[in-house]
Amino acid sequence: MVLVFKTNVRNKRAVSFLKPHLDQLIKYQKWNFDLNDTDRIFRVETDQVPVKHIQSLFRRLGYACEELPD
């Protein structure tokens, strides 16, 4: 399943900060950011990580993360 989120992650430096935390939470899964999109999209392919865990991680690290509808 592909989950899509709107975020406030603005640059590669922020992605580098988030990367080790995301890699730990979303083990062996694919994820990426589209920083050129106005919604600063975060996409993740996972069947194992609940949406609320992803959102909680972003909030704890000081970023916004809102799931977008299909």
C-alpha atoms as a PDB file:
ATOM      1  CA  MET A   1       0.000   0.000   0.000  1.00  0.00           C
ATOM      2  CA  VAL A   2       1.243   3.516  -0.791  1.00  0.00           C
ATOM      3  CA  LEU A   3       0.545   6.198   1.805  1.00  0.00           C
ATOM      4  CA  VAL A   4       0.766   9.857   0.801  1.00  0.00           C
ATOM      5  CA  PHE A   5       1.228  12.715   3.240  1.00  0.00           C
ATOM      6  CA  LYS A   6       1.336  16.498   3.043  1.00  0.00           C
ATOM      7  CA  THR A   7       4.283  17.810   5.087  1.00  0.00           C
ATOM      8  CA  ASN A   8       6.141  21.006   5.883  1.00  0.00           C
ATOM      9  CA  VAL A   9       9.563  19.491   5.113  1.00  0.00           C
ATOM     10  CA  ARG A  10      11.193  22.187   2.983  1.00  0.00           C
ATOM     11  CA  ASN A  11      14.688  21.060   1.991  1.00  0.00           C
ATOM     12  CA  LYS A  12      17.213  18.245   1.671  1.00  0.00           C
ATOM     13  CA  ARG A  13      18.794  19.166   4.976  1.00  0.00           C
ATOM     14  CA  ALA A  14      15.505  18.416   6.747  1.00  0.00           C
ATOM     15  CA  VAL A  15      15.202  15.131   4.832  1.00  0.00           C
ATOM     16  CA  SER A  16      18.720  14.206   5.968  1.00  0.00           C
ATOM     17  CA  PHE A  17      17.684  14.928   9.553  1.00  0.00           C
ATOM     18  CA  LEU A  18      14.564  12.763   9.223  1.00  0.00           C
ATOM     19  CA  LYS A  19      16.205   9.907   7.305  1.00  0.00           C
ATOM     20  CA  PRO A  20      17.657   7.868  10.206  1.00  0.00           C
ATOM     21  CA  HIS A  21      14.373   8.149  12.123  1.00  0.00           C
ATOM     22  CA  LEU A  22      12.295   7.142   9.095  1.00  0.00           C
ATOM     23  CA  ASP A  23      14.655   4.279   8.272  1.00  0.00           C
ATOM     24  CA  GLN A  24      14.272   2.982  11.819  1.00  0.00           C
ATOM     25  CA  LEU A  25      10.467   3.223  11.791  1.00  0.00           C
ATOM     26  CA  ILE A  26       9.910   2.125   8.197  1.00  0.00           C
ATOM     27  CA  LYS A  27      12.395  -0.736   7.977  1.00  0.00           C
ATOM     28  CA  TYR A  28      12.894  -2.377   4.597  1.00  0.00           C
ATOM     29  CA  GLN A  29      10.215  -0.206   3.009  1.00  0.00           C
ATOM     30  CA  LYS A  30      10.494   2.445   0.298  1.00  0.00           C
ATOM     31  CA  TRP A  31       9.872   6.105   1.079  1.00  0.00           C
ATOM     32  CA  ASN A  32      10.589   9.456  -0.587  1.00  0.00           C
ATOM     33  CA  PHE A  33       9.829  13.161  -0.548  1.00  0.00           C
ATOM     34  CA  ASP A  34       8.701  15.386  -3.406  1.00  0.00           C
ATOM     35  CA  LEU A  35       9.951  18.763  -2.205  1.00  0.00           C
ATOM     36  CA  ASN A  36       9.003  20.411  -5.518  1.00  0.00           C
ATOM     37  CA  ASP A  37       5.315  19.771  -4.907  1.00  0.00           C
ATOM     38  CA  THR A  38       3.487  22.590  -3.105  1.00  0.00           C
ATOM     39  CA  ASP A  39       2.367  20.067  -0.456  1.00  0.00           C
ATOM     40  CA  ARG A  40       5.944  18.785   0.136  1.00  0.00           C
ATOM     41  CA  ILE A  41       4.708  15.235  -0.411  1.00  0.00           C
ATOM     42  CA  PHE A  42       6.018  12.280   1.588  1.00  0.00           C
ATOM     43  CA  ARG A  43       5.244   8.858   0.068  1.00  0.00           C
ATOM     44  CA  VAL A  44       5.822   5.519   1.716  1.00  0.00           C
ATOM     45  CA  GLU A  45       5.157   1.959   0.566  1.00  0.00           C
ATOM     46  CA  THR A  46       4.239  -0.068   3.618  1.00  0.00           C
ATOM     47  CA  ASP A  47       1.757  -2.587   4.899  1.00  0.00           C
ATOM     48  CA  GLN A  48       3.343  -2.681   8.328  1.00  0.00           C
ATOM     49  CA  VAL A  49       3.537   0.849   9.736  1.00  0.00           C
ATOM     50  CA  PRO A  50       0.309   2.510  10.908  1.00  0.00           C
ATOM     51  CA  VAL A  51      -0.396   6.055   9.733  1.00  0.00           C
ATOM     52  CA  LYS A  52      -0.562   7.289  13.319  1.00  0.00           C
ATOM     53  CA  HIS A  53       3.015   6.103  13.974  1.00  0.00           C
ATOM     54  CA  ILE A  54       4.325   8.029  10.973  1.00  0.00           C
ATOM     55  CA  GLN A  55       2.426  11.166  11.982  1.00  0.00           C
ATOM     56  CA  SER A  56       3.624  10.836  15.564  1.00  0.00           C
ATOM     57  CA  LEU A  57       7.262  10.581  14.455  1.00  0.00           C
ATOM     58  CA  PHE A  58       6.973  13.737  12.344  1.00  0.00           C
ATOM     59  CA  ARG A  59       5.322  15.657  15.196  1.00  0.00           C
ATOM     60  CA  ARG A  60       7.919  14.506  17.723  1.00  0.00           C
ATOM     61  CA  LEU A  61      10.674  15.748  15.403  1.00  0.00           C
ATOM     62  CA  GLY A  62       8.964  19.113  14.869  1.00  0.00           C
ATOM     63  CA  TYR A  63       7.340  18.601  11.472  1.00  0.00           C
ATOM     64  CA  ALA A  64       3.750  18.509  10.242  1.00  0.00           C
ATOM     65  CA  CYS A  65       2.440  15.416   8.473  1.00  0.00           C
ATOM     66  CA  GLU A  66      -1.136  15.000   7.243  1.00  0.00           C
ATOM     67  CA  GLU A  67      -2.365  11.959   5.322  1.00  0.00           C
ATOM     68  CA  LEU A  68      -3.946  12.841   1.991  1.00  0.00           C
ATOM     69  CA  PRO A  69      -7.024  10.983   0.741  1.00  0.00           C
ATOM     70  CA  ASP A  70      -6.681   8.502  -2.119  1.00  0.00           C
END
